[in-house]
Each structure stands twice: as C-alpha cells, then as structure tokens.
Amino acid sequence: MEIYRIEKGAETWKYKAYDYVRTDAFCVGQSIPIELEFSHDEKEEDLQAVILIEDHKPVAGCRIAFPDEKIGKIERVCVVRGKQKGGYGRILIQEAENWLKEYGVNHIVISSQDRAAGFYEKLGYQLNPDVDPSVYDKHHKQEEKPKQEPSRPKNAPGPFGFTCVLVEKYL
C-alpha cells in the first residue's frame, strides 16, 4: 500500500483519487447527493489531503485543515465501500495525525457522523457532545446559528440517517 500526501502542486491523479473515494463512500455508499458532498470544497490547489492507494486503486482518503494555529482538523474521512472495516481508516488517521504534528498542531478535531464516533474513540479521541461540530468549519460563521428543521430535534438523525458530532484529541 502507498500513502500519499496531497498539497499544492500535487499531480492531478492524486486529487482525482481522493474525489473517487469520496464519491464511492459518500455519494454511492450513503446516497449523499454529489452537489452536497462537494459544495464546500476549496480549489484543488488549496487542498491538503491524505490518500491510500492499494494495487494502483484508491481505497481511502481524508482532508486536513487548520482552523487555528495549534488546531488541526481532519475532514471527510472516507474508505471505499469494499474496503471498509479493513484497517484502512486507522492507517489513514495515523498518517493525518503525523502530518498535523509536523505542523506543530497539539489539538485535533474531527466532525464525524455519530455512527463512526466509536471508531475514533478507539484511536484515542473523545466525543464532545457540547460543541457544535461545525464550529471549526471554514464556511461556518460563529454568530450564525445552524439552520434546524423545525420538525427534527437537535440530535435526531438527519435526512441521511445520521447526525454530526465532534471528536477531539490533544497530543
């Protein structure tokens, strides 16, 4: 298996490999509309991501971002459908953490689907139910309140069968 870091100037195929994994895991695997999945993306040249390639095929990927000087955020963690539960997510998170450590980050946050929180807890992350998981998003403004469907309680699953939670780890 090869592990690649994507950053400014990376070969085009690396960006496409990450997009493939996201499309397979989220759009096909979880029926998230493609326009919603990619609606908040930055330009490719600004993307920092990690991808795992096995037998010349993309199998997993995640983005990294820096909402603050000492805070790193791991985003859009995904593994293709046929490889889930095969240890790829653990390898992916370890590589993302190593990269964030090189930047001097001492606090890592992940906005996760609630059903994946146990996976992150096994990797040393702690669930923080009191914090809005979008607070570290680039497109989130602190003063804005997230739009809530009136018929759905705060922690009830959304239209795709999950709710988002924040998990975090101090290094």
C-alpha atoms as a PDB file:
ATOM      1  CA  MET A   1       0.000   0.000   0.000  1.00  0.00           C
ATOM      2  CA  GLU A   2       1.188   3.505  -0.791  1.00  0.00           C
ATOM      3  CA  ILE A   3       0.350   6.570   1.289  1.00  0.00           C
ATOM      4  CA  TYR A   4       0.373   9.953  -0.437  1.00  0.00           C
ATOM      5  CA  ARG A   5       0.075  13.460   0.898  1.00  0.00           C
ATOM      6  CA  ILE A   6      -1.663  15.877  -1.420  1.00  0.00           C
ATOM      7  CA  GLU A   7      -0.680  19.520  -1.270  1.00  0.00           C
ATOM      8  CA  LYS A   8      -0.178  22.453  -3.613  1.00  0.00           C
ATOM      9  CA  GLY A   9       1.420  21.280  -6.829  1.00  0.00           C
ATOM     10  CA  ALA A  10       0.451  17.595  -6.473  1.00  0.00           C
ATOM     11  CA  GLU A  11      -0.192  15.551  -9.582  1.00  0.00           C
ATOM     12  CA  THR A  12      -3.756  15.721 -10.869  1.00  0.00           C
ATOM     13  CA  TRP A  13      -4.341  11.984 -10.400  1.00  0.00           C
ATOM     14  CA  LYS A  14      -3.964  12.364  -6.626  1.00  0.00           C
ATOM     15  CA  TYR A  15      -6.802  14.901  -6.479  1.00  0.00           C
ATOM     16  CA  LYS A  16      -8.931  12.636  -8.662  1.00  0.00           C
ATOM     17  CA  ALA A  17      -8.149   9.601  -6.479  1.00  0.00           C
ATOM     18  CA  TYR A  18      -9.412  11.464  -3.403  1.00  0.00           C
ATOM     19  CA  ASP A  19     -12.553  12.590  -5.247  1.00  0.00           C
ATOM     20  CA  TYR A  20     -13.155   8.977  -6.322  1.00  0.00           C
ATOM     21  CA  VAL A  21     -13.000   7.695  -2.738  1.00  0.00           C
ATOM     22  CA  ARG A  22     -15.375  10.427  -1.532  1.00  0.00           C
ATOM     23  CA  THR A  23     -17.815   9.754  -4.355  1.00  0.00           C
ATOM     24  CA  ASP A  24     -17.800   5.999  -3.709  1.00  0.00           C
ATOM     25  CA  ALA A  25     -18.065   6.208   0.089  1.00  0.00           C
ATOM     26  CA  PHE A  26     -20.455   9.136   0.482  1.00  0.00           C
ATOM     27  CA  CYS A  27     -22.420   9.623  -2.748  1.00  0.00           C
ATOM     28  CA  VAL A  28     -22.820   5.991  -3.780  1.00  0.00           C
ATOM     29  CA  GLY A  29     -22.445   4.288  -0.395  1.00  0.00           C
ATOM     30  CA  GLN A  30     -24.543   6.697   1.687  1.00  0.00           C
ATOM     31  CA  SER A  31     -26.685   8.339  -1.021  1.00  0.00           C
ATOM     32  CA  ILE A  32     -25.410  11.832  -0.245  1.00  0.00           C
ATOM     33  CA  PRO A  33     -26.124  13.996  -3.318  1.00  0.00           C
ATOM     34  CA  ILE A  34     -22.899  14.773  -5.176  1.00  0.00           C
ATOM     35  CA  GLU A  35     -23.662  18.507  -5.274  1.00  0.00           C
ATOM     36  CA  LEU A  36     -23.981  18.493  -1.475  1.00  0.00           C
ATOM     37  CA  GLU A  37     -20.827  16.417  -0.926  1.00  0.00           C
ATOM     38  CA  PHE A  38     -18.643  18.780  -2.946  1.00  0.00           C
ATOM     39  CA  SER A  39     -20.433  22.094  -2.266  1.00  0.00           C
ATOM     40  CA  HIS A  40     -17.960  23.445   0.314  1.00  0.00           C
ATOM     41  CA  ASP A  41     -14.741  22.347  -1.366  1.00  0.00           C
ATOM     42  CA  GLU A  42     -11.861  24.708  -1.816  1.00  0.00           C
ATOM     43  CA  LYS A  43      -9.934  24.927  -5.072  1.00  0.00           C
ATOM     44  CA  GLU A  44      -7.854  21.823  -5.734  1.00  0.00           C
ATOM     45  CA  GLU A  45      -4.608  23.768  -5.438  1.00  0.00           C
ATOM     46  CA  ASP A  46      -5.515  24.674  -1.831  1.00  0.00           C
ATOM     47  CA  LEU A  47      -6.418  21.110  -0.836  1.00  0.00           C
ATOM     48  CA  GLN A  48      -4.298  19.216   1.664  1.00  0.00           C
ATOM     49  CA  ALA A  49      -5.258  15.575   1.910  1.00  0.00           C
ATOM     50  CA  VAL A  50      -4.007  12.054   2.520  1.00  0.00           C
ATOM     51  CA  ILE A  51      -4.866   9.151   0.232  1.00  0.00           C
ATOM     52  CA  LEU A  52      -4.176   5.430   0.460  1.00  0.00           C
ATOM     53  CA  ILE A  53      -3.585   3.510  -2.763  1.00  0.00           C
ATOM     54  CA  GLU A  54      -3.581  -0.291  -2.884  1.00  0.00           C
ATOM     55  CA  ASP A  55      -2.854  -2.266  -6.048  1.00  0.00           C
ATOM     56  CA  HIS A  56      -2.969   1.008  -8.024  1.00  0.00           C
ATOM     57  CA  LYS A  57      -6.500   1.747  -6.779  1.00  0.00           C
ATOM     58  CA  PRO A  58      -7.602   4.473  -4.334  1.00  0.00           C
ATOM     59  CA  VAL A  59      -9.025   2.947  -1.137  1.00  0.00           C
ATOM     60  CA  ALA A  60      -9.175   5.746   1.469  1.00  0.00           C
ATOM     61  CA  GLY A  61      -8.725   9.467   1.918  1.00  0.00           C
ATOM     62  CA  CYS A  62      -9.175  12.478   4.184  1.00  0.00           C
ATOM     63  CA  ARG A  63      -8.525  16.218   4.115  1.00  0.00           C
ATOM     64  CA  ILE A  64      -6.673  18.268   6.656  1.00  0.00           C
ATOM     65  CA  ALA A  65      -7.346  21.891   7.529  1.00  0.00           C
ATOM     66  CA  PHE A  66      -6.125  24.424  10.060  1.00  0.00           C
ATOM     67  CA  PRO A  67      -8.930  26.374  11.725  1.00  0.00           C
ATOM     68  CA  ASP A  68      -6.376  27.789  14.184  1.00  0.00           C
ATOM     69  CA  GLU A  69      -2.587  27.888  14.547  1.00  0.00           C
ATOM     70  CA  LYS A  70      -2.477  24.976  17.019  1.00  0.00           C
ATOM     71  CA  ILE A  71      -5.644  23.183  15.925  1.00  0.00           C
ATOM     72  CA  GLY A  72      -5.735  20.711  13.057  1.00  0.00           C
ATOM     73  CA  LYS A  73      -8.944  19.359  11.594  1.00  0.00           C
ATOM     74  CA  ILE A  74      -9.271  16.021   9.835  1.00  0.00           C
ATOM     75  CA  GLU A  75     -12.175  16.183   7.396  1.00  0.00           C
ATOM     76  CA  ARG A  76     -14.169  13.972   5.013  1.00  0.00           C
ATOM     77  CA  VAL A  77     -12.622  10.715   6.210  1.00  0.00           C
ATOM     78  CA  CYS A  78     -13.684   8.002   3.788  1.00  0.00           C
ATOM     79  CA  VAL A  79     -12.934   4.443   2.746  1.00  0.00           C
ATOM     80  CA  VAL A  80     -14.360   2.878  -0.425  1.00  0.00           C
ATOM     81  CA  ARG A  81     -17.259   0.526   0.213  1.00  0.00           C
ATOM     82  CA  GLY A  82     -15.459  -2.743  -0.468  1.00  0.00           C
ATOM     83  CA  LYS A  83     -12.596  -1.916   1.911  1.00  0.00           C
ATOM     84  CA  GLN A  84     -14.455  -0.590   4.969  1.00  0.00           C
ATOM     85  CA  LYS A  85     -13.630  -2.302   8.273  1.00  0.00           C
ATOM     86  CA  GLY A  86     -10.277  -3.431   6.841  1.00  0.00           C
ATOM     87  CA  GLY A  87      -7.983  -1.198   8.921  1.00  0.00           C
ATOM     88  CA  TYR A  88      -7.599   1.491   6.254  1.00  0.00           C
ATOM     89  CA  GLY A  89      -9.314   4.168   8.339  1.00  0.00           C
ATOM     90  CA  ARG A  90      -6.879   3.624  11.209  1.00  0.00           C
ATOM     91  CA  ILE A  91      -3.864   3.896   8.884  1.00  0.00           C
ATOM     92  CA  LEU A  92      -5.351   6.997   7.272  1.00  0.00           C
ATOM     93  CA  ILE A  93      -5.963   8.762  10.601  1.00  0.00           C
ATOM     94  CA  GLN A  94      -2.460   7.886  11.849  1.00  0.00           C
ATOM     95  CA  GLU A  95      -0.896   9.423   8.733  1.00  0.00           C
ATOM     96  CA  ALA A  96      -3.070  12.548   9.001  1.00  0.00           C
ATOM     97  CA  GLU A  97      -2.098  12.901  12.679  1.00  0.00           C
ATOM     98  CA  ASN A  98       1.599  12.538  11.813  1.00  0.00           C
ATOM     99  CA  TRP A  99       1.300  15.262   9.198  1.00  0.00           C
ATOM    100  CA  LEU A 100      -0.533  17.577  11.596  1.00  0.00           C
ATOM    101  CA  LYS A 101       2.161  17.004  14.245  1.00  0.00           C
ATOM    102  CA  GLU A 102       4.772  18.160  11.716  1.00  0.00           C
ATOM    103  CA  TYR A 103       2.873  21.460  11.564  1.00  0.00           C
ATOM    104  CA  GLY A 104       3.091  21.818  15.361  1.00  0.00           C
ATOM    105  CA  VAL A 105      -0.577  21.076  15.990  1.00  0.00           C
ATOM    106  CA  ASN A 106      -1.417  19.975  19.544  1.00  0.00           C
ATOM    107  CA  HIS A 107      -5.215  19.645  19.233  1.00  0.00           C
ATOM    108  CA  ILE A 108      -7.006  17.650  16.526  1.00  0.00           C
ATOM    109  CA  VAL A 109     -10.740  17.841  15.863  1.00  0.00           C
ATOM    110  CA  ILE A 110     -12.943  15.751  13.597  1.00  0.00           C
ATOM    111  CA  SER A 111     -16.574  16.402  12.709  1.00  0.00           C
ATOM    112  CA  SER A 112     -17.859  12.853  12.427  1.00  0.00           C
ATOM    113  CA  GLN A 113     -21.035  11.008  11.697  1.00  0.00           C
ATOM    114  CA  ASP A 114     -22.406   9.822  15.040  1.00  0.00           C
ATOM    115  CA  ARG A 115     -22.229   6.187  13.922  1.00  0.00           C
ATOM    116  CA  ALA A 116     -18.419   6.484  13.484  1.00  0.00           C
ATOM    117  CA  ALA A 117     -17.702   8.058  16.900  1.00  0.00           C
ATOM    118  CA  GLY A 118     -16.753   4.674  18.420  1.00  0.00           C
ATOM    119  CA  PHE A 119     -14.093   4.194  15.736  1.00  0.00           C
ATOM    120  CA  TYR A 120     -12.448   7.489  16.700  1.00  0.00           C
ATOM    121  CA  GLU A 121     -12.733   6.732  20.416  1.00  0.00           C
ATOM    122  CA  LYS A 122     -10.690   3.548  19.818  1.00  0.00           C
ATOM    123  CA  LEU A 123      -7.991   5.814  18.348  1.00  0.00           C
ATOM    124  CA  GLY A 124      -7.867   7.981  21.472  1.00  0.00           C
ATOM    125  CA  TYR A 125     -10.388  10.667  20.515  1.00  0.00           C
ATOM    126  CA  GLN A 126     -13.037  11.887  22.923  1.00  0.00           C
ATOM    127  CA  LEU A 127     -16.594  12.703  21.994  1.00  0.00           C
ATOM    128  CA  ASN A 128     -17.507  16.299  22.851  1.00  0.00           C
ATOM    129  CA  PRO A 129     -21.323  16.443  22.650  1.00  0.00           C
ATOM    130  CA  ASP A 130     -21.454  20.014  23.990  1.00  0.00           C
ATOM    131  CA  VAL A 131     -19.730  21.584  20.969  1.00  0.00           C
ATOM    132  CA  ASP A 132     -21.382  22.228  17.610  1.00  0.00           C
ATOM    133  CA  PRO A 133     -19.237  20.183  15.188  1.00  0.00           C
ATOM    134  CA  SER A 134     -19.428  22.908  12.526  1.00  0.00           C
ATOM    135  CA  VAL A 135     -17.685  25.463  14.760  1.00  0.00           C
ATOM    136  CA  TYR A 136     -14.309  24.623  13.180  1.00  0.00           C
ATOM    137  CA  ASP A 137     -15.583  24.709   9.575  1.00  0.00           C
ATOM    138  CA  LYS A 138     -14.249  27.418   7.254  1.00  0.00           C
ATOM    139  CA  HIS A 139     -17.729  28.182   5.927  1.00  0.00           C
ATOM    140  CA  HIS A 140     -19.270  28.416   9.433  1.00  0.00           C
ATOM    141  CA  LYS A 141     -19.635  31.860  10.982  1.00  0.00           C
ATOM    142  CA  GLN A 142     -19.597  31.931  14.770  1.00  0.00           C
ATOM    143  CA  GLU A 143     -22.589  34.261  15.032  1.00  0.00           C
ATOM    144  CA  GLU A 144     -24.788  32.177  12.744  1.00  0.00           C
ATOM    145  CA  LYS A 145     -26.959  29.501  14.272  1.00  0.00           C
ATOM    146  CA  PRO A 146     -27.172  26.307  12.220  1.00  0.00           C
ATOM    147  CA  LYS A 147     -30.468  26.058  10.404  1.00  0.00           C
ATOM    148  CA  GLN A 148     -32.591  23.455  12.144  1.00  0.00           C
ATOM    149  CA  GLU A 149     -35.570  21.749  10.646  1.00  0.00           C
ATOM    150  CA  PRO A 150     -38.456  22.586  12.994  1.00  0.00           C
ATOM    151  CA  SER A 151     -39.792  19.038  12.930  1.00  0.00           C
ATOM    152  CA  ARG A 152     -36.454  17.461  13.937  1.00  0.00           C
ATOM    153  CA  PRO A 153     -34.983  17.614  17.456  1.00  0.00           C
ATOM    154  CA  LYS A 154     -31.346  18.776  17.712  1.00  0.00           C
ATOM    155  CA  ASN A 155     -29.682  15.332  17.948  1.00  0.00           C
ATOM    156  CA  ALA A 156     -32.147  13.389  15.808  1.00  0.00           C
ATOM    157  CA  PRO A 157     -30.742  11.772  12.665  1.00  0.00           C
ATOM    158  CA  GLY A 158     -30.851  14.000   9.593  1.00  0.00           C
ATOM    159  CA  PRO A 159     -32.176  13.138   6.161  1.00  0.00           C
ATOM    160  CA  PHE A 160     -29.258  10.755   5.504  1.00  0.00           C
ATOM    161  CA  GLY A 161     -29.704   8.731   8.708  1.00  0.00           C
ATOM    162  CA  PHE A 162     -27.027  10.290  10.905  1.00  0.00           C
ATOM    163  CA  THR A 163     -26.162  13.382  12.877  1.00  0.00           C
ATOM    164  CA  CYS A 164     -22.735  15.005  13.130  1.00  0.00           C
ATOM    165  CA  VAL A 165     -20.715  15.018  16.342  1.00  0.00           C
ATOM    166  CA  LEU A 166     -17.338  16.448  17.322  1.00  0.00           C
ATOM    167  CA  VAL A 167     -14.491  14.208  18.443  1.00  0.00           C
ATOM    168  CA  GLU A 168     -11.162  15.621  19.571  1.00  0.00           C
ATOM    169  CA  LYS A 169      -7.726  14.607  20.738  1.00  0.00           C
ATOM    170  CA  TYR A 170      -4.948  16.538  22.462  1.00  0.00           C
ATOM    171  CA  LEU A 171      -1.429  15.483  21.546  1.00  0.00           C
END
